[in-house]
Amino acid sequence: MSRAFGDAALKTPGQPVLLCDPEITACVLQPDDQFVLIACDGLFDVMSSNEATAYIFDRLLSEDPES
């Protein structure tokens, strides 16, 4: 996550630099919102946002949410 928040000062000049500007989305939470998913791009490399949401709902509805 440090790359997302700006470690540009730690980059070697002349080397490829990862984007150090975070992508920020603001939204107003509603009373019927059930959770907030905060994730890095690595999660979305392996599953879609719909799959991630379904996974969270499965855990919330599970008798053992840590399983």
PDB file of N, CA and C in Angstrom:
ATOM      1  N   MET A   1       0.812  -1.193   0.000  1.00  0.00           N
ATOM      2  CA  MET A   1       0.000   0.000   0.000  1.00  0.00           C
ATOM      3  C   MET A   1       0.852   1.253   0.000  1.00  0.00           C
ATOM      4  N   SER A   2       2.106   1.182   0.414  1.00  0.00           N
ATOM      5  CA  SER A   2       2.926   2.393   0.457  1.00  0.00           C
ATOM      6  C   SER A   2       3.082   3.002  -0.925  1.00  0.00           C
ATOM      7  N   ARG A   3       3.087   2.164  -1.969  1.00  0.00           N
ATOM      8  CA  ARG A   3       3.214   2.704  -3.327  1.00  0.00           C
ATOM      9  C   ARG A   3       2.030   3.597  -3.651  1.00  0.00           C
ATOM     10  N   ALA A   4       0.860   3.221  -3.216  1.00  0.00           N
ATOM     11  CA  ALA A   4      -0.331   4.009  -3.519  1.00  0.00           C
ATOM     12  C   ALA A   4      -0.314   5.351  -2.828  1.00  0.00           C
ATOM     13  N   PHE A   5       0.368   5.435  -1.696  1.00  0.00           N
ATOM     14  CA  PHE A   5       0.357   6.682  -0.929  1.00  0.00           C
ATOM     15  C   PHE A   5       1.599   7.525  -1.144  1.00  0.00           C
ATOM     16  N   GLY A   6       2.458   7.131  -2.039  1.00  0.00           N
ATOM     17  CA  GLY A   6       3.506   8.034  -2.466  1.00  0.00           C
ATOM     18  C   GLY A   6       4.886   7.794  -1.905  1.00  0.00           C
ATOM     19  N   ASP A   7       5.566   6.771  -2.365  1.00  0.00           N
ATOM     20  CA  ASP A   7       6.957   6.584  -1.977  1.00  0.00           C
ATOM     21  C   ASP A   7       7.880   7.028  -3.107  1.00  0.00           C
ATOM     22  N   ALA A   8       7.453   8.032  -3.885  1.00  0.00           N
ATOM     23  CA  ALA A   8       8.233   8.503  -5.035  1.00  0.00           C
ATOM     24  C   ALA A   8       9.635   8.936  -4.621  1.00  0.00           C
ATOM     25  N   ALA A   9       9.788   9.464  -3.417  1.00  0.00           N
ATOM     26  CA  ALA A   9      11.101   9.907  -2.947  1.00  0.00           C
ATOM     27  C   ALA A   9      12.066   8.731  -2.790  1.00  0.00           C
ATOM     28  N   LEU A  10      11.548   7.521  -2.679  1.00  0.00           N
ATOM     29  CA  LEU A  10      12.381   6.336  -2.504  1.00  0.00           C
ATOM     30  C   LEU A  10      12.766   5.686  -3.831  1.00  0.00           C
ATOM     31  N   LYS A  11      12.263   6.203  -4.939  1.00  0.00           N
ATOM     32  CA  LYS A  11      12.557   5.629  -6.247  1.00  0.00           C
ATOM     33  C   LYS A  11      13.948   6.039  -6.711  1.00  0.00           C
ATOM     34  N   THR A  12      14.594   5.164  -7.456  1.00  0.00           N
ATOM     35  CA  THR A  12      15.903   5.447  -8.028  1.00  0.00           C
ATOM     36  C   THR A  12      15.708   6.233  -9.319  1.00  0.00           C
ATOM     37  N   PRO A  13      16.364   7.399  -9.459  1.00  0.00           N
ATOM     38  CA  PRO A  13      16.218   8.166 -10.703  1.00  0.00           C
ATOM     39  C   PRO A  13      16.579   7.320 -11.922  1.00  0.00           C
ATOM     40  N   GLY A  14      15.770   7.443 -12.973  1.00  0.00           N
ATOM     41  CA  GLY A  14      16.003   6.681 -14.192  1.00  0.00           C
ATOM     42  C   GLY A  14      15.350   5.319 -14.212  1.00  0.00           C
ATOM     43  N   GLN A  15      14.881   4.865 -13.071  1.00  0.00           N
ATOM     44  CA  GLN A  15      14.199   3.573 -12.992  1.00  0.00           C
ATOM     45  C   GLN A  15      12.698   3.780 -13.203  1.00  0.00           C
ATOM     46  N   PRO A  16      11.991   2.744 -13.653  1.00  0.00           N
ATOM     47  CA  PRO A  16      10.532   2.884 -13.805  1.00  0.00           C
ATOM     48  C   PRO A  16       9.905   3.265 -12.473  1.00  0.00           C
ATOM     49  N   VAL A  17       9.012   4.206 -12.536  1.00  0.00           N
ATOM     50  CA  VAL A  17       8.355   4.685 -11.312  1.00  0.00           C
ATOM     51  C   VAL A  17       6.889   4.276 -11.347  1.00  0.00           C
ATOM     52  N   LEU A  18       6.462   3.647 -10.301  1.00  0.00           N
ATOM     53  CA  LEU A  18       5.048   3.337 -10.182  1.00  0.00           C
ATOM     54  C   LEU A  18       4.296   4.619  -9.859  1.00  0.00           C
ATOM     55  N   LEU A  19       3.077   4.688 -10.299  1.00  0.00           N
ATOM     56  CA  LEU A  19       2.249   5.848 -10.022  1.00  0.00           C
ATOM     57  C   LEU A  19       2.092   6.006  -8.517  1.00  0.00           C
ATOM     58  N   CYS A  20       2.420   7.174  -8.007  1.00  0.00           N
ATOM     59  CA  CYS A  20       2.340   7.358  -6.554  1.00  0.00           C
ATOM     60  C   CYS A  20       1.167   8.249  -6.161  1.00  0.00           C
ATOM     61  N   ASP A  21       0.247   8.483  -7.082  1.00  0.00           N
ATOM     62  CA  ASP A  21      -0.954   9.237  -6.765  1.00  0.00           C
ATOM     63  C   ASP A  21      -2.079   8.249  -6.513  1.00  0.00           C
ATOM     64  N   PRO A  22      -2.632   8.248  -5.314  1.00  0.00           N
ATOM     65  CA  PRO A  22      -3.688   7.270  -5.020  1.00  0.00           C
ATOM     66  C   PRO A  22      -4.947   7.567  -5.816  1.00  0.00           C
ATOM     67  N   GLU A  23      -5.669   6.510  -6.146  1.00  0.00           N
ATOM     68  CA  GLU A  23      -6.984   6.669  -6.759  1.00  0.00           C
ATOM     69  C   GLU A  23      -7.977   6.790  -5.617  1.00  0.00           C
ATOM     70  N   ILE A  24      -8.672   7.891  -5.553  1.00  0.00           N
ATOM     71  CA  ILE A  24      -9.580   8.155  -4.439  1.00  0.00           C
ATOM     72  C   ILE A  24     -10.996   8.321  -4.974  1.00  0.00           C
ATOM     73  N   THR A  25     -11.921   7.644  -4.359  1.00  0.00           N
ATOM     74  CA  THR A  25     -13.328   7.791  -4.684  1.00  0.00           C
ATOM     75  C   THR A  25     -14.057   8.154  -3.399  1.00  0.00           C
ATOM     76  N   ALA A  26     -14.850   9.195  -3.463  1.00  0.00           N
ATOM     77  CA  ALA A  26     -15.624   9.615  -2.295  1.00  0.00           C
ATOM     78  C   ALA A  26     -17.100   9.302  -2.540  1.00  0.00           C
ATOM     79  N   CYS A  27     -17.740   8.806  -1.521  1.00  0.00           N
ATOM     80  CA  CYS A  27     -19.178   8.555  -1.622  1.00  0.00           C
ATOM     81  C   CYS A  27     -19.797   8.739  -0.242  1.00  0.00           C
ATOM     82  N   VAL A  28     -21.066   9.010  -0.246  1.00  0.00           N
ATOM     83  CA  VAL A  28     -21.798   9.195   1.005  1.00  0.00           C
ATOM     84  C   VAL A  28     -22.367   7.841   1.415  1.00  0.00           C
ATOM     85  N   LEU A  29     -22.038   7.414   2.611  1.00  0.00           N
ATOM     86  CA  LEU A  29     -22.578   6.143   3.106  1.00  0.00           C
ATOM     87  C   LEU A  29     -24.056   6.321   3.443  1.00  0.00           C
ATOM     88  N   GLN A  30     -24.818   5.292   3.140  1.00  0.00           N
ATOM     89  CA  GLN A  30     -26.252   5.299   3.380  1.00  0.00           C
ATOM     90  C   GLN A  30     -26.585   4.376   4.554  1.00  0.00           C
ATOM     91  N   PRO A  31     -27.680   4.629   5.237  1.00  0.00           N
ATOM     92  CA  PRO A  31     -28.042   3.792   6.393  1.00  0.00           C
ATOM     93  C   PRO A  31     -28.170   2.304   6.058  1.00  0.00           C
ATOM     94  N   ASP A  32     -28.523   1.969   4.824  1.00  0.00           N
ATOM     95  CA  ASP A  32     -28.680   0.553   4.476  1.00  0.00           C
ATOM     96  C   ASP A  32     -27.402  -0.084   3.937  1.00  0.00           C
ATOM     97  N   ASP A  33     -26.294   0.658   3.888  1.00  0.00           N
ATOM     98  CA  ASP A  33     -25.016   0.062   3.500  1.00  0.00           C
ATOM     99  C   ASP A  33     -24.619  -0.978   4.533  1.00  0.00           C
ATOM    100  N   GLN A  34     -24.133  -2.123   4.062  1.00  0.00           N
ATOM    101  CA  GLN A  34     -23.823  -3.214   4.978  1.00  0.00           C
ATOM    102  C   GLN A  34     -22.345  -3.335   5.297  1.00  0.00           C
ATOM    103  N   PHE A  35     -21.474  -2.872   4.413  1.00  0.00           N
ATOM    104  CA  PHE A  35     -20.040  -2.923   4.667  1.00  0.00           C
ATOM    105  C   PHE A  35     -19.327  -2.030   3.675  1.00  0.00           C
ATOM    106  N   VAL A  36     -18.068  -1.759   3.970  1.00  0.00           N
ATOM    107  CA  VAL A  36     -17.194  -1.025   3.057  1.00  0.00           C
ATOM    108  C   VAL A  36     -16.030  -1.953   2.739  1.00  0.00           C
ATOM    109  N   LEU A  37     -15.756  -2.139   1.467  1.00  0.00           N
ATOM    110  CA  LEU A  37     -14.636  -2.965   1.038  1.00  0.00           C
ATOM    111  C   LEU A  37     -13.505  -2.045   0.626  1.00  0.00           C
ATOM    112  N   ILE A  38     -12.399  -2.117   1.340  1.00  0.00           N
ATOM    113  CA  ILE A  38     -11.201  -1.352   1.012  1.00  0.00           C
ATOM    114  C   ILE A  38     -10.139  -2.364   0.609  1.00  0.00           C
ATOM    115  N   ALA A  39      -9.659  -2.254  -0.620  1.00  0.00           N
ATOM    116  CA  ALA A  39      -8.728  -3.256  -1.121  1.00  0.00           C
ATOM    117  C   ALA A  39      -7.727  -2.625  -2.075  1.00  0.00           C
ATOM    118  N   CYS A  40      -6.586  -3.271  -2.226  1.00  0.00           N
ATOM    119  CA  CYS A  40      -5.600  -2.818  -3.207  1.00  0.00           C
ATOM    120  C   CYS A  40      -5.895  -3.503  -4.539  1.00  0.00           C
ATOM    121  N   ASP A  41      -5.204  -3.064  -5.576  1.00  0.00           N
ATOM    122  CA  ASP A  41      -5.452  -3.605  -6.902  1.00  0.00           C
ATOM    123  C   ASP A  41      -5.137  -5.091  -7.000  1.00  0.00           C
ATOM    124  N   GLY A  42      -4.336  -5.614  -6.097  1.00  0.00           N
ATOM    125  CA  GLY A  42      -4.019  -7.041  -6.121  1.00  0.00           C
ATOM    126  C   GLY A  42      -5.252  -7.908  -5.975  1.00  0.00           C
ATOM    127  N   LEU A  43      -6.215  -7.475  -5.171  1.00  0.00           N
ATOM    128  CA  LEU A  43      -7.452  -8.239  -5.019  1.00  0.00           C
ATOM    129  C   LEU A  43      -8.177  -8.316  -6.354  1.00  0.00           C
ATOM    130  N   PHE A  44      -8.246  -7.186  -7.034  1.00  0.00           N
ATOM    131  CA  PHE A  44      -9.007  -7.125  -8.278  1.00  0.00           C
ATOM    132  C   PHE A  44      -8.239  -7.708  -9.463  1.00  0.00           C
ATOM    133  N   ASP A  45      -6.990  -8.127  -9.228  1.00  0.00           N
ATOM    134  CA  ASP A  45      -6.265  -8.906 -10.226  1.00  0.00           C
ATOM    135  C   ASP A  45      -6.780 -10.341 -10.250  1.00  0.00           C
ATOM    136  N   VAL A  46      -7.366 -10.794  -9.132  1.00  0.00           N
ATOM    137  CA  VAL A  46      -7.790 -12.192  -9.033  1.00  0.00           C
ATOM    138  C   VAL A  46      -9.299 -12.372  -8.941  1.00  0.00           C
ATOM    139  N   MET A  47     -10.050 -11.297  -8.697  1.00  0.00           N
ATOM    140  CA  MET A  47     -11.508 -11.407  -8.680  1.00  0.00           C
ATOM    141  C   MET A  47     -12.134 -10.070  -9.043  1.00  0.00           C
ATOM    142  N   SER A  48     -13.330 -10.133  -9.562  1.00  0.00           N
ATOM    143  CA  SER A  48     -14.055  -8.917  -9.925  1.00  0.00           C
ATOM    144  C   SER A  48     -14.659  -8.287  -8.661  1.00  0.00           C
ATOM    145  N   SER A  49     -15.151  -7.064  -8.793  1.00  0.00           N
ATOM    146  CA  SER A  49     -15.790  -6.431  -7.642  1.00  0.00           C
ATOM    147  C   SER A  49     -17.044  -7.200  -7.230  1.00  0.00           C
ATOM    148  N   ASN A  50     -17.765  -7.774  -8.205  1.00  0.00           N
ATOM    149  CA  ASN A  50     -18.940  -8.583  -7.867  1.00  0.00           C
ATOM    150  C   ASN A  50     -18.545  -9.847  -7.116  1.00  0.00           C
ATOM    151  N   GLU A  51     -17.452 -10.479  -7.537  1.00  0.00           N
ATOM    152  CA  GLU A  51     -16.977 -11.676  -6.837  1.00  0.00           C
ATOM    153  C   GLU A  51     -16.520 -11.334  -5.422  1.00  0.00           C
ATOM    154  N   ALA A  52     -15.838 -10.209  -5.261  1.00  0.00           N
ATOM    155  CA  ALA A  52     -15.385  -9.785  -3.934  1.00  0.00           C
ATOM    156  C   ALA A  52     -16.574  -9.512  -3.023  1.00  0.00           C
ATOM    157  N   THR A  53     -17.596  -8.846  -3.564  1.00  0.00           N
ATOM    158  CA  THR A  53     -18.805  -8.564  -2.784  1.00  0.00           C
ATOM    159  C   THR A  53     -19.498  -9.855  -2.384  1.00  0.00           C
ATOM    160  N   ALA A  54     -19.622 -10.791  -3.319  1.00  0.00           N
ATOM    161  CA  ALA A  54     -20.253 -12.080  -3.006  1.00  0.00           C
ATOM    162  C   ALA A  54     -19.465 -12.818  -1.927  1.00  0.00           C
ATOM    163  N   TYR A  55     -18.139 -12.770  -2.008  1.00  0.00           N
ATOM    164  CA  TYR A  55     -17.287 -13.419  -1.002  1.00  0.00           C
ATOM    165  C   TYR A  55     -17.546 -12.825   0.388  1.00  0.00           C
ATOM    166  N   ILE A  56     -17.615 -11.492   0.454  1.00  0.00           N
ATOM    167  CA  ILE A  56     -17.872 -10.829   1.746  1.00  0.00           C
ATOM    168  C   ILE A  56     -19.242 -11.227   2.278  1.00  0.00           C
ATOM    169  N   PHE A  57     -20.273 -11.190   1.422  1.00  0.00           N
ATOM    170  CA  PHE A  57     -21.611 -11.582   1.864  1.00  0.00           C
ATOM    171  C   PHE A  57     -21.623 -13.015   2.366  1.00  0.00           C
ATOM    172  N   ASP A  58     -20.927 -13.911   1.672  1.00  0.00           N
ATOM    173  CA  ASP A  58     -20.851 -15.302   2.125  1.00  0.00           C
ATOM    174  C   ASP A  58     -20.265 -15.382   3.525  1.00  0.00           C
ATOM    175  N   ARG A  59     -19.197 -14.597   3.788  1.00  0.00           N
ATOM    176  CA  ARG A  59     -18.573 -14.617   5.115  1.00  0.00           C
ATOM    177  C   ARG A  59     -19.505 -14.007   6.164  1.00  0.00           C
ATOM    178  N   LEU A  60     -20.211 -12.929   5.809  1.00  0.00           N
ATOM    179  CA  LEU A  60     -21.121 -12.290   6.765  1.00  0.00           C
ATOM    180  C   LEU A  60     -22.279 -13.208   7.137  1.00  0.00           C
ATOM    181  N   LEU A  61     -22.726 -14.013   6.190  1.00  0.00           N
ATOM    182  CA  LEU A  61     -23.860 -14.903   6.430  1.00  0.00           C
ATOM    183  C   LEU A  61     -23.438 -16.238   7.030  1.00  0.00           C
ATOM    184  N   SER A  62     -22.152 -16.502   7.033  1.00  0.00           N
ATOM    185  CA  SER A  62     -21.625 -17.757   7.545  1.00  0.00           C
ATOM    186  C   SER A  62     -21.734 -17.798   9.068  1.00  0.00           C
ATOM    187  N   GLU A  63     -21.879 -18.992   9.602  1.00  0.00           N
ATOM    188  CA  GLU A  63     -21.857 -19.138  11.056  1.00  0.00           C
ATOM    189  C   GLU A  63     -20.475 -18.867  11.605  1.00  0.00           C
ATOM    190  N   ASP A  64     -19.448 -19.107  10.797  1.00  0.00           N
ATOM    191  CA  ASP A  64     -18.066 -18.853  11.190  1.00  0.00           C
ATOM    192  C   ASP A  64     -17.437 -17.910  10.167  1.00  0.00           C
ATOM    193  N   PRO A  65     -17.556 -16.583  10.352  1.00  0.00           N
ATOM    194  CA  PRO A  65     -17.104 -15.615   9.354  1.00  0.00           C
ATOM    195  C   PRO A  65     -15.611 -15.705   9.026  1.00  0.00           C
ATOM    196  N   GLU A  66     -14.816 -16.320   9.893  1.00  0.00           N
ATOM    197  CA  GLU A  66     -13.377 -16.403   9.638  1.00  0.00           C
ATOM    198  C   GLU A  66     -13.002 -17.624   8.819  1.00  0.00           C
ATOM    199  N   SER A  67     -13.984 -18.445   8.459  1.00  0.00           N
ATOM    200  CA  SER A  67     -13.670 -19.655   7.674  1.00  0.00           C
ATOM    201  C   SER A  67     -13.436 -19.326   6.229  1.00  0.00           C
TER     202      SER A  67
END
